[in-house]
Amino acid sequence: MTANHTSGNGGVYAVCSAHPWVLEAAAKQALDDGSVLHVESTSSQVNQEGGYTGQTPAQFADFIHTLSLSAGLPSERVLLGGDHLGPFPWKHESSATAMKKACLLVRACVLAGYRKFHLDASMACADDGNAVAELHVASRAALLCEIAEKACQDSGSLPPLYVVGTEVPSPGGRSIAEEAPTVTSIEHVHRTLEAFETAFLARGLSHAWDRVMGLVVQPGVEFSDHTVFNYDHKKAEHLAAGLPDHPSLVYEAHSTDYQPLAALGQMVGDHFAILKVGPWLTFAFREAIFALSAIEHEMLGGKKGGNASEVRQALENAMLQNPSHWRSYYGGEESEQRLARAYSYSDRCRYYWHVASVQKEVTRLLKNLATTPLPLPLISQYLPQEYEAIRAGSLDAKTRPVVHHHIQQVLRGYAIACGHR
């Protein structure tokens, strides 16, 4: 981060996903690149109540370290972070109750060995009205920081690093994106930093303020159901030119999924040195699984008693039975919603891969394809990138390596942009 602040060279990407296949691929990529595996869990994914993954911070940390060691990546090469740590999971409750639970979450993350904390109190709670004033956002973030510092002292942990900001994209992406988001102004940057510094110092946290190494701003990138807004250097060059002099401070960019490689590299050069990626990785997992399913149906379709899996239908059924994770994101006619449930950039189907009925079909798919070598002509048809790697001798024509490779194709772009390869 210090090098990027000075020269614009080098960065880090954060894998914001709890999906086991994605994390396995990310560990392999970090091992290949000789880099750090930087994983962040959101406050909704993982919290002291279990989140939607059913994991507490301690359980998630153990899961990541076990997975990383299995891939050959030592624990010292793993950086755990908390994304959107604040009252978001409890925003329908009063601010006092939501913030109390947010404080418990931050403490649990420190005790679990998390080192990087995105403190996000920008969302309104039940008694806040439509929005929270910037000074209140900063004050609540300072309270969360105070809790983290106290937990650090109690546990003897290494001092945390912090990321702050008020113009924070919603966790999980936007439900509607008709036009590109407005790029944060440099005046807003300085005003935000002043508000946060004042709030930190008011709580006697000058030592922690020196460890605020990132500021979340809106660089003009976003995605929704079927739209991606690419990074435009011209629209954001004022942010690069006006990077504050706070020691080692860089920008953190959320919702960078589906950006072209050139755009990711330009963002890092413009001091967006922390790139968050999540839905694109599970999108790639879904692509690979659907492609393998198509290969399976070609191979077994003409065989009596072939017993081909029904991954696509199982996923569709699970999403229809519990629409809470996608209903507010996908509009239009039923036919449009059906396509979006499977193929949307928002990738809301990522919330359903853990459902038992879906897992059962994925397991059947992998079992069916493990009984015979994958035919190269079919791999060429449905997974052309993996076909090239297999022909070049760098990839085994087996299901798990093929899926990992497909996810790593995304990660490699981030690694190149950040200077890891």
Protein backbone atom coordinates (compact mmCIF):
# COMPACT_ATOMS: atom_id res chain seq x y z
CA MET A 1 0.00 0.00 0.00
CA THR A 2 2.89 2.34 0.77
CA ALA A 3 4.41 1.66 -2.64
CA ASN A 4 1.12 2.29 -4.39
CA HIS A 5 0.57 5.52 -2.47
CA THR A 6 3.96 6.72 -3.66
CA SER A 7 4.11 5.44 -7.23
CA GLY A 8 0.81 3.80 -8.18
CA ASN A 9 2.55 0.45 -8.56
CA GLY A 10 1.24 -2.72 -6.91
CA GLY A 11 -1.99 -3.56 -5.17
CA VAL A 12 -3.98 -6.35 -3.61
CA TYR A 13 -7.28 -7.98 -4.46
CA ALA A 14 -9.69 -9.19 -1.80
CA VAL A 15 -11.68 -12.37 -2.38
CA CYS A 16 -15.10 -11.61 -0.94
CA SER A 17 -16.67 -15.05 -0.99
CA ALA A 18 -17.39 -17.93 1.37
CA HIS A 19 -17.80 -20.51 -1.40
CA PRO A 20 -15.42 -23.47 -0.83
CA TRP A 21 -14.59 -23.99 -4.52
CA VAL A 22 -13.83 -20.29 -4.96
CA LEU A 23 -11.61 -20.23 -1.89
CA GLU A 24 -9.77 -23.36 -3.00
CA ALA A 25 -9.09 -21.73 -6.36
CA ALA A 26 -7.98 -18.51 -4.66
CA ALA A 27 -5.54 -20.40 -2.42
CA LYS A 28 -4.09 -22.14 -5.48
CA GLN A 29 -3.73 -18.81 -7.26
CA ALA A 30 -1.98 -17.20 -4.31
CA LEU A 31 0.37 -20.18 -4.14
CA ASP A 32 1.13 -19.91 -7.87
CA ASP A 33 1.78 -16.18 -7.62
CA GLY A 34 3.77 -16.21 -4.38
CA SER A 35 1.27 -13.70 -2.98
CA VAL A 36 -0.96 -13.35 0.05
CA LEU A 37 -4.41 -14.94 0.05
CA HIS A 38 -6.60 -12.02 1.07
CA VAL A 39 -10.11 -13.18 2.02
CA GLU A 40 -12.86 -10.98 3.43
CA SER A 41 -16.21 -12.02 4.87
CA THR A 42 -19.12 -9.63 5.00
CA SER A 43 -21.12 -8.95 8.13
CA SER A 44 -24.08 -10.78 6.57
CA GLN A 45 -22.06 -13.84 5.52
CA VAL A 46 -20.27 -14.41 8.81
CA ASN A 47 -21.13 -12.98 12.22
CA GLN A 48 -21.52 -13.98 15.85
CA GLU A 49 -25.02 -15.29 15.06
CA GLY A 50 -23.77 -17.41 12.15
CA GLY A 51 -24.78 -15.21 9.21
CA TYR A 52 -26.18 -16.82 6.09
CA THR A 53 -23.20 -19.21 5.93
CA GLY A 54 -23.90 -20.48 9.44
CA GLN A 55 -20.34 -19.60 10.49
CA THR A 56 -18.99 -17.39 13.25
CA PRO A 57 -15.75 -15.44 12.62
CA ALA A 58 -13.75 -18.08 14.53
CA GLN A 59 -15.28 -20.90 12.49
CA PHE A 60 -14.70 -19.05 9.23
CA ALA A 61 -11.07 -18.34 10.16
CA ASP A 62 -10.49 -22.02 10.97
CA PHE A 63 -12.14 -22.99 7.68
CA ILE A 64 -9.91 -20.64 5.65
CA HIS A 65 -6.68 -21.71 7.37
CA THR A 66 -7.51 -25.42 7.01
CA LEU A 67 -8.36 -24.97 3.35
CA SER A 68 -5.20 -22.93 2.71
CA LEU A 69 -2.94 -25.44 4.40
CA SER A 70 -4.50 -28.22 2.31
CA ALA A 71 -3.52 -26.23 -0.78
CA GLY A 72 0.04 -25.85 0.55
CA LEU A 73 -0.32 -22.20 1.54
CA PRO A 74 1.11 -21.45 5.01
CA SER A 75 -0.96 -19.50 7.55
CA GLU A 76 1.36 -16.49 7.46
CA ARG A 77 0.38 -16.01 3.81
CA VAL A 78 -3.32 -15.62 4.71
CA LEU A 79 -4.86 -12.21 5.44
CA LEU A 80 -8.40 -12.24 6.86
CA GLY A 81 -10.55 -9.16 6.63
CA GLY A 82 -14.04 -8.09 7.57
CA ASP A 83 -16.12 -6.36 4.88
CA HIS A 84 -18.96 -3.96 5.72
CA LEU A 85 -18.45 -4.54 9.45
CA GLY A 86 -21.23 -2.60 11.07
CA PRO A 87 -24.99 -2.69 11.70
CA PHE A 88 -26.04 -3.83 8.20
CA PRO A 89 -27.33 -7.34 9.17
CA TRP A 90 -29.47 -5.77 11.89
CA LYS A 91 -30.51 -2.56 10.07
CA HIS A 92 -34.21 -3.35 10.62
CA GLU A 93 -33.65 -2.96 14.36
CA SER A 94 -33.03 0.23 16.34
CA SER A 95 -29.63 1.87 15.88
CA ALA A 96 -28.73 1.19 19.52
CA THR A 97 -29.46 -2.52 19.20
CA ALA A 98 -27.86 -2.83 15.76
CA MET A 99 -24.68 -1.05 16.87
CA LYS A 100 -24.44 -3.19 20.00
CA LYS A 101 -24.50 -6.29 17.80
CA ALA A 102 -22.02 -4.70 15.39
CA CYS A 103 -19.62 -4.15 18.29
CA LEU A 104 -19.89 -7.82 19.25
CA LEU A 105 -19.14 -8.75 15.64
CA VAL A 106 -16.02 -6.58 15.48
CA ARG A 107 -14.72 -8.03 18.74
CA ALA A 108 -15.36 -11.58 17.49
CA CYS A 109 -13.42 -10.82 14.30
CA VAL A 110 -10.40 -9.53 16.23
CA LEU A 111 -10.38 -12.59 18.47
CA ALA A 112 -10.63 -14.83 15.38
CA GLY A 113 -7.46 -13.33 13.93
CA TYR A 114 -8.87 -10.90 11.38
CA ARG A 115 -6.36 -8.14 10.56
CA LYS A 116 -8.15 -5.80 8.13
CA PHE A 117 -11.40 -4.08 9.05
CA HIS A 118 -13.71 -2.21 6.72
CA LEU A 119 -15.77 -0.24 9.23
CA ASP A 120 -19.09 0.52 7.56
CA ALA A 121 -21.80 2.30 9.51
CA SER A 122 -23.20 4.09 6.45
CA MET A 123 -26.53 2.29 6.29
CA ALA A 124 -29.63 3.57 8.07
CA CYS A 125 -31.19 1.57 10.91
CA ALA A 126 -34.89 1.41 11.78
CA ASP A 127 -34.91 4.68 13.73
CA ASP A 128 -32.48 6.63 11.51
CA GLY A 129 -34.85 7.79 8.79
CA ASN A 130 -33.73 7.53 5.17
CA ALA A 131 -30.04 8.24 5.71
CA VAL A 132 -27.35 8.73 8.33
CA ALA A 133 -25.46 12.02 8.47
CA GLU A 134 -21.77 11.79 7.66
CA LEU A 135 -20.72 12.82 11.18
CA HIS A 136 -22.87 10.05 12.67
CA VAL A 137 -21.39 7.51 10.26
CA ALA A 138 -17.90 8.55 11.35
CA SER A 139 -18.86 8.51 15.04
CA ARG A 140 -20.28 5.00 14.81
CA ALA A 141 -17.21 3.79 12.92
CA ALA A 142 -14.99 5.26 15.65
CA LEU A 143 -16.97 3.31 18.26
CA LEU A 144 -16.38 0.11 16.28
CA CYS A 145 -12.69 0.95 16.07
CA GLU A 146 -12.55 1.48 19.82
CA ILE A 147 -14.05 -1.98 20.35
CA ALA A 148 -11.51 -3.50 17.96
CA GLU A 149 -8.59 -1.80 19.72
CA LYS A 150 -9.79 -2.98 23.12
CA ALA A 151 -10.20 -6.55 21.85
CA CYS A 152 -6.70 -6.35 20.39
CA GLN A 153 -5.29 -5.33 23.76
CA ASP A 154 -7.21 -8.06 25.58
CA SER A 155 -6.00 -10.78 23.20
CA GLY A 156 -2.49 -9.54 22.49
CA SER A 157 -3.25 -9.55 18.76
CA LEU A 158 -1.34 -7.56 16.18
CA PRO A 159 -2.81 -4.08 15.62
CA PRO A 160 -5.60 -4.05 13.02
CA LEU A 161 -5.61 -2.07 9.78
CA TYR A 162 -8.71 -0.03 8.95
CA VAL A 163 -10.67 1.09 5.92
CA VAL A 164 -13.31 3.80 6.27
CA GLY A 165 -15.66 5.82 4.07
CA THR A 166 -19.23 7.01 3.64
CA GLU A 167 -19.90 6.54 -0.09
CA VAL A 168 -19.99 2.76 0.21
CA PRO A 169 -21.77 0.57 -2.38
CA SER A 170 -24.44 -1.68 -0.88
CA PRO A 171 -23.26 -5.17 0.11
CA GLY A 172 -24.18 -7.67 -2.60
CA GLY A 173 -24.42 -5.12 -5.41
CA ARG A 174 -27.17 -2.81 -6.61
CA SER A 175 -30.62 -4.09 -7.50
CA ILE A 176 -31.11 -1.44 -10.19
CA ALA A 177 -28.41 0.24 -12.26
CA GLU A 178 -29.84 2.23 -15.16
CA GLU A 179 -26.87 4.58 -15.37
CA ALA A 180 -23.28 4.69 -14.18
CA PRO A 181 -22.80 5.77 -10.56
CA THR A 182 -21.42 9.22 -9.90
CA VAL A 183 -17.71 9.31 -9.13
CA THR A 184 -16.86 10.60 -5.66
CA SER A 185 -15.63 14.21 -5.67
CA ILE A 186 -12.27 15.10 -4.17
CA GLU A 187 -14.05 17.59 -1.91
CA HIS A 188 -16.08 14.70 -0.49
CA VAL A 189 -12.86 12.73 0.08
CA HIS A 190 -11.31 15.47 2.19
CA ARG A 191 -14.55 16.16 4.06
CA THR A 192 -14.97 12.45 4.85
CA LEU A 193 -11.42 12.05 6.11
CA GLU A 194 -11.81 15.13 8.29
CA ALA A 195 -15.03 13.75 9.80
CA PHE A 196 -13.47 10.37 10.54
CA GLU A 197 -10.27 11.82 11.95
CA THR A 198 -12.28 14.07 14.26
CA ALA A 199 -14.40 11.13 15.44
CA PHE A 200 -11.34 8.92 16.03
CA LEU A 201 -9.46 11.59 17.95
CA ALA A 202 -12.54 12.32 20.07
CA ARG A 203 -12.31 8.75 21.36
CA GLY A 204 -8.56 8.95 21.92
CA LEU A 205 -7.80 6.77 18.91
CA SER A 206 -4.94 8.73 17.33
CA HIS A 207 -2.79 5.57 17.32
CA ALA A 208 -5.55 3.73 15.42
CA TRP A 209 -6.04 6.62 13.01
CA ASP A 210 -2.45 6.13 11.88
CA ARG A 211 -3.50 2.61 10.80
CA VAL A 212 -6.36 3.79 8.58
CA MET A 213 -4.85 2.65 5.29
CA GLY A 214 -7.84 2.72 2.95
CA LEU A 215 -10.76 4.92 1.99
CA VAL A 216 -13.80 3.55 0.18
CA VAL A 217 -14.94 5.86 -2.61
CA GLN A 218 -17.10 5.41 -5.69
CA PRO A 219 -14.82 5.18 -8.76
CA GLY A 220 -17.77 4.90 -11.15
CA VAL A 221 -17.78 1.11 -11.46
CA GLU A 222 -20.83 -1.03 -10.80
CA PHE A 223 -22.82 -3.98 -12.11
CA SER A 224 -26.37 -5.21 -11.84
CA ASP A 225 -28.55 -7.85 -13.46
CA HIS A 226 -27.26 -7.48 -17.03
CA THR A 227 -25.22 -4.25 -16.98
CA VAL A 228 -21.57 -3.51 -16.22
CA PHE A 229 -20.23 0.03 -15.98
CA ASN A 230 -16.55 0.04 -16.82
CA TYR A 231 -13.96 2.19 -15.12
CA ASP A 232 -13.35 5.52 -16.88
CA HIS A 233 -9.97 7.00 -16.01
CA LYS A 234 -10.98 10.44 -17.26
CA LYS A 235 -13.95 10.60 -14.89
CA ALA A 236 -11.87 9.49 -11.89
CA GLU A 237 -8.51 11.14 -12.57
CA HIS A 238 -9.25 13.88 -10.01
CA LEU A 239 -9.25 11.17 -7.32
CA ALA A 240 -5.85 9.89 -8.41
CA ALA A 241 -4.41 13.40 -8.60
CA GLY A 242 -5.90 14.42 -5.26
CA LEU A 243 -4.91 11.39 -3.18
CA PRO A 244 -4.67 12.72 0.41
CA ASP A 245 -1.29 12.84 2.17
CA HIS A 246 -2.46 10.65 5.05
CA PRO A 247 0.40 8.12 5.49
CA SER A 248 0.10 5.23 3.00
CA LEU A 249 -3.57 5.92 2.35
CA VAL A 250 -5.01 4.34 -0.81
CA TYR A 251 -8.49 3.90 -2.20
CA GLU A 252 -10.52 0.72 -1.83
CA ALA A 253 -12.78 -0.13 -4.77
CA HIS A 254 -15.88 -2.25 -4.30
CA SER A 255 -17.96 -3.91 -7.05
CA THR A 256 -15.00 -4.29 -9.43
CA ASP A 257 -16.44 -7.57 -10.77
CA TYR A 258 -16.55 -8.02 -14.56
CA GLN A 259 -14.16 -5.13 -15.26
CA PRO A 260 -11.80 -5.61 -18.23
CA LEU A 261 -8.18 -6.39 -17.35
CA ALA A 262 -7.02 -3.05 -18.72
CA ALA A 263 -9.52 -1.24 -16.48
CA LEU A 264 -8.35 -3.14 -13.38
CA GLY A 265 -4.75 -2.23 -14.15
CA GLN A 266 -5.70 1.41 -14.66
CA MET A 267 -7.55 1.44 -11.33
CA VAL A 268 -4.49 0.15 -9.49
CA GLY A 269 -2.39 2.81 -11.21
CA ASP A 270 -4.90 5.44 -10.07
CA HIS A 271 -4.36 4.37 -6.43
CA PHE A 272 -7.36 2.06 -6.19
CA ALA A 273 -4.90 -0.36 -4.66
CA ILE A 274 -7.47 -2.62 -2.96
CA LEU A 275 -9.83 -4.31 -5.42
CA LYS A 276 -12.82 -6.23 -4.06
CA VAL A 277 -14.15 -9.16 -6.11
CA GLY A 278 -16.83 -11.67 -5.19
CA PRO A 279 -19.85 -12.35 -7.43
CA TRP A 280 -17.65 -12.74 -10.53
CA LEU A 281 -15.95 -15.71 -8.86
CA THR A 282 -19.16 -17.59 -8.08
CA PHE A 283 -20.40 -16.56 -11.54
CA ALA A 284 -17.35 -18.39 -12.95
CA PHE A 285 -18.08 -21.40 -10.72
CA ARG A 286 -21.65 -21.48 -12.05
CA GLU A 287 -20.37 -21.25 -15.63
CA ALA A 288 -18.07 -24.22 -15.09
CA ILE A 289 -20.73 -26.36 -13.39
CA PHE A 290 -23.32 -25.61 -16.09
CA ALA A 291 -20.74 -26.44 -18.77
CA LEU A 292 -19.88 -29.74 -17.10
CA SER A 293 -23.59 -30.47 -16.82
CA ALA A 294 -23.97 -29.93 -20.57
CA ILE A 295 -21.02 -32.28 -21.19
CA GLU A 296 -22.59 -34.85 -18.86
CA HIS A 297 -25.92 -34.72 -20.71
CA GLU A 298 -24.16 -35.16 -24.07
CA MET A 299 -22.28 -38.18 -22.71
CA LEU A 300 -25.20 -39.85 -20.91
CA GLY A 301 -28.14 -38.62 -22.94
CA GLY A 302 -28.15 -41.59 -25.28
CA LYS A 303 -27.41 -44.20 -22.65
CA LYS A 304 -30.16 -46.27 -21.09
CA GLY A 305 -30.27 -45.61 -17.36
CA GLY A 306 -27.71 -42.84 -17.72
CA ASN A 307 -29.04 -41.09 -14.59
CA ALA A 308 -27.74 -37.65 -15.54
CA SER A 309 -27.83 -34.99 -12.86
CA GLU A 310 -30.27 -32.06 -12.86
CA VAL A 311 -28.16 -29.27 -11.39
CA ARG A 312 -29.87 -26.48 -13.32
CA GLN A 313 -33.36 -27.57 -12.28
CA ALA A 314 -32.36 -28.16 -8.66
CA LEU A 315 -30.92 -24.65 -8.48
CA GLU A 316 -34.05 -23.20 -10.07
CA ASN A 317 -36.30 -25.06 -7.62
CA ALA A 318 -34.28 -23.88 -4.62
CA MET A 319 -34.49 -20.27 -5.75
CA LEU A 320 -38.22 -20.47 -6.33
CA GLN A 321 -38.81 -22.08 -2.94
CA ASN A 322 -36.92 -19.26 -1.19
CA PRO A 323 -36.93 -16.07 -3.29
CA SER A 324 -35.66 -13.80 -0.50
CA HIS A 325 -32.14 -13.52 -1.96
CA TRP A 326 -33.17 -12.53 -5.50
CA ARG A 327 -36.72 -11.18 -5.58
CA SER A 328 -35.80 -7.50 -5.14
CA TYR A 329 -32.98 -7.75 -7.72
CA TYR A 330 -34.73 -9.27 -10.73
CA GLY A 331 -37.68 -7.58 -12.40
CA GLY A 332 -39.50 -8.03 -15.68
CA GLU A 333 -41.56 -10.92 -16.97
CA GLU A 334 -41.27 -14.43 -15.53
CA SER A 335 -39.17 -15.52 -18.52
CA GLU A 336 -36.73 -12.67 -17.84
CA GLN A 337 -36.57 -13.55 -14.15
CA ARG A 338 -35.85 -17.18 -14.99
CA LEU A 339 -32.85 -16.20 -17.10
CA ALA A 340 -31.65 -13.80 -14.43
CA ARG A 341 -31.88 -16.40 -11.68
CA ALA A 342 -29.27 -18.46 -13.50
CA TYR A 343 -27.22 -16.03 -15.58
CA SER A 344 -27.40 -12.56 -14.00
CA TYR A 345 -24.19 -10.61 -13.31
CA SER A 346 -25.59 -10.09 -9.83
CA ASP A 347 -25.26 -13.86 -9.42
CA ARG A 348 -27.88 -14.15 -6.73
CA CYS A 349 -27.82 -17.93 -7.23
CA ARG A 350 -24.60 -17.92 -5.18
CA TYR A 351 -26.79 -17.97 -2.08
CA TYR A 352 -28.24 -21.37 -3.03
CA TRP A 353 -25.31 -23.67 -3.81
CA HIS A 354 -25.26 -24.87 -0.19
CA VAL A 355 -28.89 -26.07 -0.32
CA ALA A 356 -28.93 -29.84 0.21
CA SER A 357 -30.95 -30.61 -2.94
CA VAL A 358 -28.53 -28.57 -5.07
CA GLN A 359 -25.46 -30.11 -3.46
CA LYS A 360 -26.90 -33.56 -4.12
CA GLU A 361 -27.12 -32.86 -7.87
CA VAL A 362 -23.63 -31.30 -8.03
CA THR A 363 -22.25 -34.41 -6.30
CA ARG A 364 -24.07 -36.65 -8.80
CA LEU A 365 -22.68 -34.58 -11.67
CA LEU A 366 -19.10 -34.92 -10.47
CA LYS A 367 -19.54 -38.63 -9.76
CA ASN A 368 -20.93 -39.28 -13.23
CA LEU A 369 -18.04 -37.46 -14.88
CA ALA A 370 -15.43 -39.20 -12.74
CA THR A 371 -16.14 -42.61 -14.31
CA THR A 372 -14.67 -41.78 -17.72
CA PRO A 373 -12.22 -39.21 -19.15
CA LEU A 374 -13.81 -35.94 -20.27
CA PRO A 375 -13.88 -35.96 -24.10
CA LEU A 376 -11.70 -33.18 -25.46
CA PRO A 377 -14.13 -32.21 -28.26
CA LEU A 378 -16.83 -31.57 -25.64
CA ILE A 379 -14.43 -29.59 -23.46
CA SER A 380 -13.59 -27.54 -26.55
CA GLN A 381 -17.29 -26.92 -27.12
CA TYR A 382 -18.26 -25.89 -23.59
CA LEU A 383 -15.01 -24.84 -21.86
CA PRO A 384 -12.67 -23.52 -24.57
CA GLN A 385 -10.24 -21.85 -22.15
CA GLU A 386 -9.77 -25.09 -20.26
CA TYR A 387 -9.45 -26.97 -23.55
CA GLU A 388 -6.45 -24.82 -24.52
CA ALA A 389 -4.83 -25.41 -21.12
CA ILE A 390 -5.39 -29.18 -21.36
CA ARG A 391 -3.92 -29.30 -24.86
CA ALA A 392 -0.93 -27.30 -23.64
CA GLY A 393 -0.35 -29.85 -20.88
CA SER A 394 -0.89 -27.44 -18.00
CA LEU A 395 -4.28 -28.77 -16.85
CA ASP A 396 -5.68 -32.24 -16.13
CA ALA A 397 -8.93 -33.11 -17.91
CA LYS A 398 -10.71 -33.77 -14.62
CA THR A 399 -13.67 -32.02 -13.11
CA ARG A 400 -12.20 -30.36 -10.02
CA PRO A 401 -9.04 -28.99 -11.73
CA VAL A 402 -11.22 -27.75 -14.61
CA VAL A 403 -13.57 -25.86 -12.27
CA HIS A 404 -10.66 -24.37 -10.32
CA HIS A 405 -8.98 -23.30 -13.54
CA HIS A 406 -12.12 -21.53 -14.72
CA ILE A 407 -12.33 -19.55 -11.48
CA GLN A 408 -8.61 -18.84 -11.57
CA GLN A 409 -9.00 -17.28 -15.01
CA VAL A 410 -10.77 -14.42 -13.20
CA LEU A 411 -8.26 -14.31 -10.37
CA ARG A 412 -5.31 -14.20 -12.78
CA GLY A 413 -6.64 -10.94 -14.19
CA TYR A 414 -6.66 -9.41 -10.72
CA ALA A 415 -3.21 -10.83 -9.97
CA ILE A 416 -1.82 -9.25 -13.15
CA ALA A 417 -3.47 -5.90 -12.40
CA CYS A 418 -2.02 -5.94 -8.88
CA GLY A 419 1.47 -6.89 -10.09
CA HIS A 420 1.50 -10.37 -8.54
CA ARG A 421 2.36 -12.21 -11.76
